[in-house]
Amino acid sequence: VQAGGSLRLSCAASGRTFSRYAMGWFRQAPGKERVFVAAINWSGGT
């Protein structure tokens, strides 16, 4: 995508019901550590 643009990532879970688990997004750039991006608790309230 060009700078200034948008993307929507999706993460589909299977093999377990994850409705009671917080979930997070992390990212890793080349040569760098994996870092936190965002997280959401099980209900979506936090």
All heavy atoms as atom14 arrays in JSON, in Angstrom:
{
  "sequence": "VQAGGSLRLSCAASGRTFSRYAMGWFRQAPGKERVFVAAINWSGGT",
  "atom14_mask": [
    [1, 1, 1, 1, 1, 1, 1, 0, 0, 0, 0, 0, 0, 0],
    [1, 1, 1, 1, 1, 1, 1, 1, 1, 0, 0, 0, 0, 0],
    [1, 1, 1, 1, 1, 0, 0, 0, 0, 0, 0, 0, 0, 0],
    [1, 1, 1, 1, 0, 0, 0, 0, 0, 0, 0, 0, 0, 0],
    [1, 1, 1, 1, 0, 0, 0, 0, 0, 0, 0, 0, 0, 0],
    [1, 1, 1, 1, 1, 1, 0, 0, 0, 0, 0, 0, 0, 0],
    [1, 1, 1, 1, 1, 1, 1, 1, 0, 0, 0, 0, 0, 0],
    [1, 1, 1, 1, 1, 1, 1, 1, 1, 1, 1, 0, 0, 0],
    [1, 1, 1, 1, 1, 1, 1, 1, 0, 0, 0, 0, 0, 0],
    [1, 1, 1, 1, 1, 1, 0, 0, 0, 0, 0, 0, 0, 0],
    [1, 1, 1, 1, 1, 1, 0, 0, 0, 0, 0, 0, 0, 0],
    [1, 1, 1, 1, 1, 0, 0, 0, 0, 0, 0, 0, 0, 0],
    [1, 1, 1, 1, 1, 0, 0, 0, 0, 0, 0, 0, 0, 0],
    [1, 1, 1, 1, 1, 1, 0, 0, 0, 0, 0, 0, 0, 0],
    [1, 1, 1, 1, 0, 0, 0, 0, 0, 0, 0, 0, 0, 0],
    [1, 1, 1, 1, 1, 1, 1, 1, 1, 1, 1, 0, 0, 0],
    [1, 1, 1, 1, 1, 1, 1, 0, 0, 0, 0, 0, 0, 0],
    [1, 1, 1, 1, 1, 1, 1, 1, 1, 1, 1, 0, 0, 0],
    [1, 1, 1, 1, 1, 1, 0, 0, 0, 0, 0, 0, 0, 0],
    [1, 1, 1, 1, 1, 1, 1, 1, 1, 1, 1, 0, 0, 0],
    [1, 1, 1, 1, 1, 1, 1, 1, 1, 1, 1, 1, 0, 0],
    [1, 1, 1, 1, 1, 0, 0, 0, 0, 0, 0, 0, 0, 0],
    [1, 1, 1, 1, 1, 1, 1, 1, 0, 0, 0, 0, 0, 0],
    [1, 1, 1, 1, 0, 0, 0, 0, 0, 0, 0, 0, 0, 0],
    [1, 1, 1, 1, 1, 1, 1, 1, 1, 1, 1, 1, 1, 1],
    [1, 1, 1, 1, 1, 1, 1, 1, 1, 1, 1, 0, 0, 0],
    [1, 1, 1, 1, 1, 1, 1, 1, 1, 1, 1, 0, 0, 0],
    [1, 1, 1, 1, 1, 1, 1, 1, 1, 0, 0, 0, 0, 0],
    [1, 1, 1, 1, 1, 0, 0, 0, 0, 0, 0, 0, 0, 0],
    [1, 1, 1, 1, 1, 1, 1, 0, 0, 0, 0, 0, 0, 0],
    [1, 1, 1, 1, 0, 0, 0, 0, 0, 0, 0, 0, 0, 0],
    [1, 1, 1, 1, 1, 1, 1, 1, 1, 0, 0, 0, 0, 0],
    [1, 1, 1, 1, 1, 1, 1, 1, 1, 0, 0, 0, 0, 0],
    [1, 1, 1, 1, 1, 1, 1, 1, 1, 1, 1, 0, 0, 0],
    [1, 1, 1, 1, 1, 1, 1, 0, 0, 0, 0, 0, 0, 0],
    [1, 1, 1, 1, 1, 1, 1, 1, 1, 1, 1, 0, 0, 0],
    [1, 1, 1, 1, 1, 1, 1, 0, 0, 0, 0, 0, 0, 0],
    [1, 1, 1, 1, 1, 0, 0, 0, 0, 0, 0, 0, 0, 0],
    [1, 1, 1, 1, 1, 0, 0, 0, 0, 0, 0, 0, 0, 0],
    [1, 1, 1, 1, 1, 1, 1, 1, 0, 0, 0, 0, 0, 0],
    [1, 1, 1, 1, 1, 1, 1, 1, 0, 0, 0, 0, 0, 0],
    [1, 1, 1, 1, 1, 1, 1, 1, 1, 1, 1, 1, 1, 1],
    [1, 1, 1, 1, 1, 1, 0, 0, 0, 0, 0, 0, 0, 0],
    [1, 1, 1, 1, 0, 0, 0, 0, 0, 0, 0, 0, 0, 0],
    [1, 1, 1, 1, 0, 0, 0, 0, 0, 0, 0, 0, 0, 0],
    [1, 1, 1, 1, 1, 1, 1, 0, 0, 0, 0, 0, 0, 0]
  ],
  "atom14_positions": [
    [[0.85, -1.19, 0.0], [0.0, 0.0, 0.0], [0.89, 1.24, 0.0], [2.01, 1.21, 0.52], [-0.95, -0.01, 1.23], [-0.16, 0.05, 2.53], [-1.96, 1.11, 1.15], [0.0, 0.0, 0.0], [0.0, 0.0, 0.0], [0.0, 0.0, 0.0], [0.0, 0.0, 0.0], [0.0, 0.0, 0.0], [0.0, 0.0, 0.0], [0.0, 0.0, 0.0]],
    [[0.4, 2.31, -0.59], [1.14, 3.56, -0.59], [1.01, 4.27, 0.75], [0.03, 4.08, 1.47], [0.64, 4.47, -1.7], [1.0, 4.0, -3.1], [0.65, 5.04, -4.15], [-0.23, 5.86, -3.96], [1.36, 5.0, -5.27], [0.0, 0.0, 0.0], [0.0, 0.0, 0.0], [0.0, 0.0, 0.0], [0.0, 0.0, 0.0], [0.0, 0.0, 0.0]],
    [[2.0, 5.06, 1.06], [1.96, 5.84, 2.29], [0.68, 6.67, 2.32], [0.28, 7.25, 1.31], [3.18, 6.74, 2.38], [0.0, 0.0, 0.0], [0.0, 0.0, 0.0], [0.0, 0.0, 0.0], [0.0, 0.0, 0.0], [0.0, 0.0, 0.0], [0.0, 0.0, 0.0], [0.0, 0.0, 0.0], [0.0, 0.0, 0.0], [0.0, 0.0, 0.0]],
    [[0.06, 6.69, 3.49], [-1.2, 7.38, 3.65], [-2.42, 6.51, 3.43], [-3.54, 6.92, 3.73], [0.0, 0.0, 0.0], [0.0, 0.0, 0.0], [0.0, 0.0, 0.0], [0.0, 0.0, 0.0], [0.0, 0.0, 0.0], [0.0, 0.0, 0.0], [0.0, 0.0, 0.0], [0.0, 0.0, 0.0], [0.0, 0.0, 0.0], [0.0, 0.0, 0.0]],
    [[-2.19, 5.32, 2.92], [-3.28, 4.41, 2.64], [-3.71, 3.59, 3.86], [-3.22, 3.81, 4.98], [0.0, 0.0, 0.0], [0.0, 0.0, 0.0], [0.0, 0.0, 0.0], [0.0, 0.0, 0.0], [0.0, 0.0, 0.0], [0.0, 0.0, 0.0], [0.0, 0.0, 0.0], [0.0, 0.0, 0.0], [0.0, 0.0, 0.0], [0.0, 0.0, 0.0]],
    [[-4.62, 2.66, 3.6], [-5.2, 1.85, 4.68], [-5.21, 0.38, 4.31], [-5.25, 0.02, 3.13], [-6.65, 2.3, 4.96], [-6.7, 3.64, 5.38], [0.0, 0.0, 0.0], [0.0, 0.0, 0.0], [0.0, 0.0, 0.0], [0.0, 0.0, 0.0], [0.0, 0.0, 0.0], [0.0, 0.0, 0.0], [0.0, 0.0, 0.0], [0.0, 0.0, 0.0]],
    [[-5.16, -0.44, 5.33], [-5.34, -1.88, 5.2], [-6.12, -2.39, 6.4], [-6.05, -1.79, 7.48], [-3.99, -2.61, 5.13], [-3.2, -2.57, 3.84], [-1.84, -3.23, 4.05], [-3.93, -3.21, 2.69], [0.0, 0.0, 0.0], [0.0, 0.0, 0.0], [0.0, 0.0, 0.0], [0.0, 0.0, 0.0], [0.0, 0.0, 0.0], [0.0, 0.0, 0.0]],
    [[-6.82, -3.49, 6.2], [-7.52, -4.14, 7.29], [-7.04, -5.59, 7.38], [-7.26, -6.37, 6.45], [-9.02, -4.11, 7.09], [-9.82, -4.62, 8.29], [-11.24, -4.89, 7.9], [-12.12, -5.04, 9.07], [-13.28, -5.7, 9.04], [-13.68, -6.27, 7.92], [-14.02, -5.79, 10.14], [0.0, 0.0, 0.0], [0.0, 0.0, 0.0], [0.0, 0.0, 0.0]],
    [[-6.4, -5.9, 8.48], [-5.95, -7.26, 8.72], [-7.02, -8.04, 9.46], [-7.73, -7.5, 10.31], [-4.66, -7.26, 9.54], [-3.49, -6.46, 8.98], [-2.26, -6.64, 9.87], [-3.18, -6.81, 7.55], [0.0, 0.0, 0.0], [0.0, 0.0, 0.0], [0.0, 0.0, 0.0], [0.0, 0.0, 0.0], [0.0, 0.0, 0.0], [0.0, 0.0, 0.0]],
    [[-7.09, -9.33, 9.16], [-8.0, -10.23, 9.85], [-7.21, -11.41, 10.4], [-6.2, -11.81, 9.82], [-9.08, -10.75, 8.92], [-9.87, -9.71, 8.41], [0.0, 0.0, 0.0], [0.0, 0.0, 0.0], [0.0, 0.0, 0.0], [0.0, 0.0, 0.0], [0.0, 0.0, 0.0], [0.0, 0.0, 0.0], [0.0, 0.0, 0.0], [0.0, 0.0, 0.0]],
    [[-7.68, -11.95, 11.49], [-7.07, -13.13, 12.09], [-8.19, -14.07, 12.49], [-8.95, -13.76, 13.43], [-6.21, -12.76, 13.28], [-5.56, -14.19, 14.19], [0.0, 0.0, 0.0], [0.0, 0.0, 0.0], [0.0, 0.0, 0.0], [0.0, 0.0, 0.0], [0.0, 0.0, 0.0], [0.0, 0.0, 0.0], [0.0, 0.0, 0.0], [0.0, 0.0, 0.0]],
    [[-8.29, -15.18, 11.79], [-9.33, -16.15, 12.07], [-8.75, -17.29, 12.91], [-7.73, -17.87, 12.56], [-9.89, -16.7, 10.77], [0.0, 0.0, 0.0], [0.0, 0.0, 0.0], [0.0, 0.0, 0.0], [0.0, 0.0, 0.0], [0.0, 0.0, 0.0], [0.0, 0.0, 0.0], [0.0, 0.0, 0.0], [0.0, 0.0, 0.0], [0.0, 0.0, 0.0]],
    [[-9.41, -17.57, 14.01], [-8.95, -18.61, 14.92], [-9.82, -19.85, 14.79], [-11.03, -19.75, 14.61], [-8.99, -18.1, 16.36], [0.0, 0.0, 0.0], [0.0, 0.0, 0.0], [0.0, 0.0, 0.0], [0.0, 0.0, 0.0], [0.0, 0.0, 0.0], [0.0, 0.0, 0.0], [0.0, 0.0, 0.0], [0.0, 0.0, 0.0], [0.0, 0.0, 0.0]],
    [[-9.19, -20.99, 14.88], [-9.94, -22.26, 14.84], [-9.28, -23.25, 15.79], [-8.15, -23.05, 16.23], [-9.96, -22.82, 13.42], [-8.64, -23.1, 12.98], [0.0, 0.0, 0.0], [0.0, 0.0, 0.0], [0.0, 0.0, 0.0], [0.0, 0.0, 0.0], [0.0, 0.0, 0.0], [0.0, 0.0, 0.0], [0.0, 0.0, 0.0], [0.0, 0.0, 0.0]],
    [[-10.02, -24.29, 16.12], [-9.49, -25.31, 17.01], [-9.83, -25.09, 18.46], [-9.58, -25.93, 19.3], [0.0, 0.0, 0.0], [0.0, 0.0, 0.0], [0.0, 0.0, 0.0], [0.0, 0.0, 0.0], [0.0, 0.0, 0.0], [0.0, 0.0, 0.0], [0.0, 0.0, 0.0], [0.0, 0.0, 0.0], [0.0, 0.0, 0.0], [0.0, 0.0, 0.0]],
    [[-10.36, -23.93, 18.74], [-10.76, -23.61, 20.11], [-11.66, -22.4, 20.02], [-11.54, -21.58, 19.12], [-9.55, -23.29, 20.98], [-9.89, -22.81, 22.38], [-8.68, -22.3, 23.12], [-7.76, -23.34, 23.5], [-6.65, -23.13, 24.21], [-6.35, -21.91, 24.6], [-5.84, -24.11, 24.51], [0.0, 0.0, 0.0], [0.0, 0.0, 0.0], [0.0, 0.0, 0.0]],
    [[-12.51, -22.23, 21.0], [-13.32, -21.01, 21.08], [-12.53, -19.97, 21.86], [-12.22, -20.17, 23.03], [-14.66, -21.27, 21.79], [-15.38, -22.25, 21.04], [-15.46, -20.0, 21.88], [0.0, 0.0, 0.0], [0.0, 0.0, 0.0], [0.0, 0.0, 0.0], [0.0, 0.0, 0.0], [0.0, 0.0, 0.0], [0.0, 0.0, 0.0], [0.0, 0.0, 0.0]],
    [[-12.22, -18.89, 21.2], [-11.36, -17.88, 21.79], [-12.12, -16.72, 22.41], [-11.53, -15.7, 22.75], [-10.39, -17.35, 20.73], [-9.34, -18.36, 20.34], [-9.49, -19.13, 19.22], [-8.23, -18.54, 21.13], [-8.53, -20.06, 18.87], [-7.27, -19.48, 20.79], [-7.43, -20.24, 19.66], [0.0, 0.0, 0.0], [0.0, 0.0, 0.0], [0.0, 0.0, 0.0]],
    [[-13.42, -16.87, 22.54], [-14.21, -15.75, 23.04], [-13.86, -15.35, 24.46], [-14.21, -14.25, 24.89], [-15.7, -16.08, 22.94], [-15.99, -17.23, 23.71], [0.0, 0.0, 0.0], [0.0, 0.0, 0.0], [0.0, 0.0, 0.0], [0.0, 0.0, 0.0], [0.0, 0.0, 0.0], [0.0, 0.0, 0.0], [0.0, 0.0, 0.0], [0.0, 0.0, 0.0]],
    [[-13.16, -16.21, 25.21], [-12.78, -15.87, 26.58], [-11.31, -15.44, 26.69], [-10.81, -15.26, 27.79], [-13.03, -17.07, 27.48], [-14.5, -17.37, 27.73], [-15.12, -16.34, 28.66], [-14.51, -16.38, 29.99], [-14.71, -15.47, 30.92], [-15.47, -14.42, 30.66], [-14.15, -15.57, 32.11], [0.0, 0.0, 0.0], [0.0, 0.0, 0.0], [0.0, 0.0, 0.0]],
    [[-10.66, -15.25, 25.56], [-9.24, -14.91, 25.57], [-8.98, -13.55, 24.95], [-9.57, -13.23, 23.9], [-8.44, -15.95, 24.79], [-8.37, -17.31, 25.44], [-9.43, -18.2, 25.32], [-7.25, -17.69, 26.17], [-9.37, -19.45, 25.92], [-7.18, -18.94, 26.76], [-8.24, -19.81, 26.64], [-8.18, -21.04, 27.23], [0.0, 0.0, 0.0], [0.0, 0.0, 0.0]],
    [[-8.1, -12.79, 25.57], [-7.61, -11.58, 24.92], [-6.78, -11.97, 23.69], [-6.19, -13.05, 23.65], [-6.75, -10.77, 25.89], [0.0, 0.0, 0.0], [0.0, 0.0, 0.0], [0.0, 0.0, 0.0], [0.0, 0.0, 0.0], [0.0, 0.0, 0.0], [0.0, 0.0, 0.0], [0.0, 0.0, 0.0], [0.0, 0.0, 0.0], [0.0, 0.0, 0.0]],
    [[-6.76, -11.07, 22.73], [-5.97, -11.31, 21.52], [-5.17, -10.07, 21.2], [-5.56, -8.96, 21.55], [-6.9, -11.71, 20.36], [-7.67, -12.99, 20.63], [-8.65, -13.58, 19.25], [-7.37, -14.18, 18.14], [0.0, 0.0, 0.0], [0.0, 0.0, 0.0], [0.0, 0.0, 0.0], [0.0, 0.0, 0.0], [0.0, 0.0, 0.0], [0.0, 0.0, 0.0]],
    [[-4.06, -10.3, 20.54], [-3.18, -9.17, 20.24], [-2.61, -9.24, 18.84], [-2.64, -10.28, 18.19], [0.0, 0.0, 0.0], [0.0, 0.0, 0.0], [0.0, 0.0, 0.0], [0.0, 0.0, 0.0], [0.0, 0.0, 0.0], [0.0, 0.0, 0.0], [0.0, 0.0, 0.0], [0.0, 0.0, 0.0], [0.0, 0.0, 0.0], [0.0, 0.0, 0.0]],
    [[-2.12, -8.08, 18.42], [-1.37, -7.97, 17.17], [0.04, -7.5, 17.5], [0.22, -6.57, 18.31], [-2.02, -6.98, 16.22], [-3.26, -7.47, 15.54], [-4.56, -7.23, 15.92], [-3.34, -8.26, 14.36], [-5.42, -7.84, 15.06], [-4.71, -8.48, 14.09], [-2.39, -8.82, 13.5], [-5.15, -9.22, 13.0], [-2.82, -9.56, 12.42], [-4.19, -9.75, 12.18]],
    [[1.0, -8.12, 16.87], [2.4, -7.74, 16.99], [2.97, -7.59, 15.59], [2.37, -8.05, 14.62], [3.18, -8.81, 17.75], [2.82, -8.91, 19.21], [1.63, -9.5, 19.62], [3.67, -8.4, 20.18], [1.29, -9.59, 20.96], [3.34, -8.49, 21.53], [2.15, -9.07, 21.91], [0.0, 0.0, 0.0], [0.0, 0.0, 0.0], [0.0, 0.0, 0.0]],
    [[4.12, -6.97, 15.48], [4.77, -6.86, 14.17], [6.27, -6.99, 14.33], [6.84, -6.69, 15.39], [4.4, -5.55, 13.49], [4.91, -4.29, 14.14], [4.33, -3.07, 13.43], [4.82, -1.81, 14.01], [4.37, -0.62, 13.65], [3.41, -0.5, 12.73], [4.89, 0.48, 14.19], [0.0, 0.0, 0.0], [0.0, 0.0, 0.0], [0.0, 0.0, 0.0]],
    [[6.88, -7.43, 13.25], [8.32, -7.62, 13.25], [8.88, -7.14, 11.92], [8.55, -7.68, 10.87], [8.66, -9.1, 13.48], [10.13, -9.35, 13.68], [10.39, -10.76, 14.22], [9.53, -11.64, 14.16], [11.59, -10.97, 14.76], [0.0, 0.0, 0.0], [0.0, 0.0, 0.0], [0.0, 0.0, 0.0], [0.0, 0.0, 0.0], [0.0, 0.0, 0.0]],
    [[9.72, -6.12, 12.01], [10.41, -5.6, 10.83], [11.72, -6.37, 10.65], [12.24, -6.96, 11.6], [10.68, -4.11, 11.01], [0.0, 0.0, 0.0], [0.0, 0.0, 0.0], [0.0, 0.0, 0.0], [0.0, 0.0, 0.0], [0.0, 0.0, 0.0], [0.0, 0.0, 0.0], [0.0, 0.0, 0.0], [0.0, 0.0, 0.0], [0.0, 0.0, 0.0]],
    [[12.27, -6.38, 9.44], [13.52, -7.11, 9.19], [14.64, -6.68, 10.12], [14.9, -5.49, 10.3], [13.84, -6.74, 7.74], [12.52, -6.43, 7.13], [11.72, -5.78, 8.22], [0.0, 0.0, 0.0], [0.0, 0.0, 0.0], [0.0, 0.0, 0.0], [0.0, 0.0, 0.0], [0.0, 0.0, 0.0], [0.0, 0.0, 0.0], [0.0, 0.0, 0.0]],
    [[15.25, -7.65, 10.77], [16.36, -7.37, 11.66], [15.99, -6.82, 13.01], [16.88, -6.45, 13.79], [0.0, 0.0, 0.0], [0.0, 0.0, 0.0], [0.0, 0.0, 0.0], [0.0, 0.0, 0.0], [0.0, 0.0, 0.0], [0.0, 0.0, 0.0], [0.0, 0.0, 0.0], [0.0, 0.0, 0.0], [0.0, 0.0, 0.0], [0.0, 0.0, 0.0]],
    [[14.7, -6.76, 13.28], [14.25, -6.2, 14.56], [13.43, -7.21, 15.34], [12.99, -8.22, 14.81], [13.44, -4.92, 14.31], [14.24, -3.81, 13.67], [13.44, -2.52, 13.62], [14.26, -1.39, 13.05], [13.51, -0.11, 13.0], [0.0, 0.0, 0.0], [0.0, 0.0, 0.0], [0.0, 0.0, 0.0], [0.0, 0.0, 0.0], [0.0, 0.0, 0.0]],
    [[13.23, -6.92, 16.62], [12.44, -7.8, 17.47], [10.94, -7.64, 17.17], [10.5, -6.62, 16.63], [12.7, -7.47, 18.94], [14.12, -7.79, 19.4], [14.28, -7.53, 20.89], [13.4, -6.91, 21.48], [15.31, -7.97, 21.43], [0.0, 0.0, 0.0], [0.0, 0.0, 0.0], [0.0, 0.0, 0.0], [0.0, 0.0, 0.0], [0.0, 0.0, 0.0]],
    [[10.2, -8.67, 17.55], [8.75, -8.6, 17.44], [8.23, -7.67, 18.53], [8.59, -7.81, 19.7], [8.15, -10.0, 17.6], [6.7, -10.09, 17.27], [6.23, -11.53, 17.22], [6.96, -12.3, 16.2], [6.64, -13.55, 15.88], [5.64, -14.17, 16.47], [7.34, -14.19, 14.97], [0.0, 0.0, 0.0], [0.0, 0.0, 0.0], [0.0, 0.0, 0.0]],
    [[7.39, -6.72, 18.15], [6.91, -5.72, 19.1], [5.4, -5.64, 19.1], [4.73, -5.98, 18.12], [7.51, -4.32, 18.81], [9.02, -4.34, 18.95], [7.11, -3.84, 17.41], [0.0, 0.0, 0.0], [0.0, 0.0, 0.0], [0.0, 0.0, 0.0], [0.0, 0.0, 0.0], [0.0, 0.0, 0.0], [0.0, 0.0, 0.0], [0.0, 0.0, 0.0]],
    [[4.91, -5.18, 20.21], [3.47, -5.04, 20.43], [2.9, -3.94, 19.54], [3.49, -2.88, 19.38], [3.23, -4.71, 21.9], [1.82, -4.34, 22.24], [0.83, -5.3, 22.27], [1.49, -3.03, 22.53], [-0.48, -4.96, 22.59], [0.2, -2.67, 22.85], [-0.79, -3.65, 22.88], [0.0, 0.0, 0.0], [0.0, 0.0, 0.0], [0.0, 0.0, 0.0]],
    [[1.7, -4.21, 19.0], [0.98, -3.22, 18.22], [-0.33, -2.85, 18.9], [-0.6, -1.68, 19.18], [0.7, -3.73, 16.79], [-0.16, -2.74, 16.02], [2.0, -3.99, 16.05], [0.0, 0.0, 0.0], [0.0, 0.0, 0.0], [0.0, 0.0, 0.0], [0.0, 0.0, 0.0], [0.0, 0.0, 0.0], [0.0, 0.0, 0.0], [0.0, 0.0, 0.0]],
    [[-1.16, -3.86, 19.17], [-2.48, -3.6, 19.77], [-2.99, -4.88, 20.41], [-2.57, -5.98, 20.04], [-3.46, -3.11, 18.71], [0.0, 0.0, 0.0], [0.0, 0.0, 0.0], [0.0, 0.0, 0.0], [0.0, 0.0, 0.0], [0.0, 0.0, 0.0], [0.0, 0.0, 0.0], [0.0, 0.0, 0.0], [0.0, 0.0, 0.0], [0.0, 0.0, 0.0]],
    [[-3.9, -4.71, 21.35], [-4.52, -5.87, 22.01], [-5.94, -5.54, 22.41], [-6.28, -4.35, 22.6], [-3.71, -6.31, 23.22], [0.0, 0.0, 0.0], [0.0, 0.0, 0.0], [0.0, 0.0, 0.0], [0.0, 0.0, 0.0], [0.0, 0.0, 0.0], [0.0, 0.0, 0.0], [0.0, 0.0, 0.0], [0.0, 0.0, 0.0], [0.0, 0.0, 0.0]],
    [[-6.74, -6.56, 22.55], [-8.14, -6.4, 22.93], [-8.52, -7.52, 23.88], [-8.11, -8.68, 23.69], [-9.03, -6.4, 21.67], [-10.48, -6.05, 22.0], [-8.94, -7.72, 20.91], [-11.32, -5.72, 20.76], [0.0, 0.0, 0.0], [0.0, 0.0, 0.0], [0.0, 0.0, 0.0], [0.0, 0.0, 0.0], [0.0, 0.0, 0.0], [0.0, 0.0, 0.0]],
    [[-9.25, -7.18, 24.94], [-9.6, -8.22, 25.9], [-10.74, -9.07, 25.35], [-11.26, -8.84, 24.26], [-9.91, -7.62, 27.27], [-11.3, -7.01, 27.34], [-11.84, -6.57, 26.34], [-11.87, -7.0, 28.53], [0.0, 0.0, 0.0], [0.0, 0.0, 0.0], [0.0, 0.0, 0.0], [0.0, 0.0, 0.0], [0.0, 0.0, 0.0], [0.0, 0.0, 0.0]],
    [[-11.13, -10.09, 26.12], [-12.05, -11.09, 25.61], [-13.4, -10.5, 25.22], [-14.03, -10.95, 24.26], [-12.25, -12.2, 26.64], [-12.94, -11.75, 27.89], [-12.38, -11.19, 29.0], [-14.35, -11.78, 28.14], [-13.34, -10.87, 29.91], [-14.57, -11.23, 29.42], [-15.45, -12.24, 27.41], [-15.83, -11.12, 29.98], [-16.71, -12.14, 27.96], [-16.89, -11.58, 29.24]],
    [[-13.85, -9.47, 25.92], [-15.17, -8.91, 25.64], [-15.12, -7.79, 24.61], [-16.16, -7.38, 24.1], [-15.78, -8.36, 26.92], [-15.08, -7.21, 27.37], [0.0, 0.0, 0.0], [0.0, 0.0, 0.0], [0.0, 0.0, 0.0], [0.0, 0.0, 0.0], [0.0, 0.0, 0.0], [0.0, 0.0, 0.0], [0.0, 0.0, 0.0], [0.0, 0.0, 0.0]],
    [[-13.92, -7.31, 24.33], [-13.8, -6.16, 23.43], [-13.91, -4.83, 24.16], [-13.8, -3.77, 23.53], [0.0, 0.0, 0.0], [0.0, 0.0, 0.0], [0.0, 0.0, 0.0], [0.0, 0.0, 0.0], [0.0, 0.0, 0.0], [0.0, 0.0, 0.0], [0.0, 0.0, 0.0], [0.0, 0.0, 0.0], [0.0, 0.0, 0.0], [0.0, 0.0, 0.0]],
    [[-14.09, -4.87, 25.46], [-14.29, -3.65, 26.22], [-13.01, -2.92, 26.58], [-13.06, -1.76, 26.98], [0.0, 0.0, 0.0], [0.0, 0.0, 0.0], [0.0, 0.0, 0.0], [0.0, 0.0, 0.0], [0.0, 0.0, 0.0], [0.0, 0.0, 0.0], [0.0, 0.0, 0.0], [0.0, 0.0, 0.0], [0.0, 0.0, 0.0], [0.0, 0.0, 0.0]],
    [[-11.9, -3.59, 26.46], [-10.61, -2.98, 26.78], [-9.65, -3.18, 25.62], [-9.51, -4.29, 25.12], [-10.0, -3.61, 28.05], [-10.88, -3.39, 29.15], [-8.64, -2.98, 28.36], [0.0, 0.0, 0.0], [0.0, 0.0, 0.0], [0.0, 0.0, 0.0], [0.0, 0.0, 0.0], [0.0, 0.0, 0.0], [0.0, 0.0, 0.0], [0.0, 0.0, 0.0]]
  ]
}
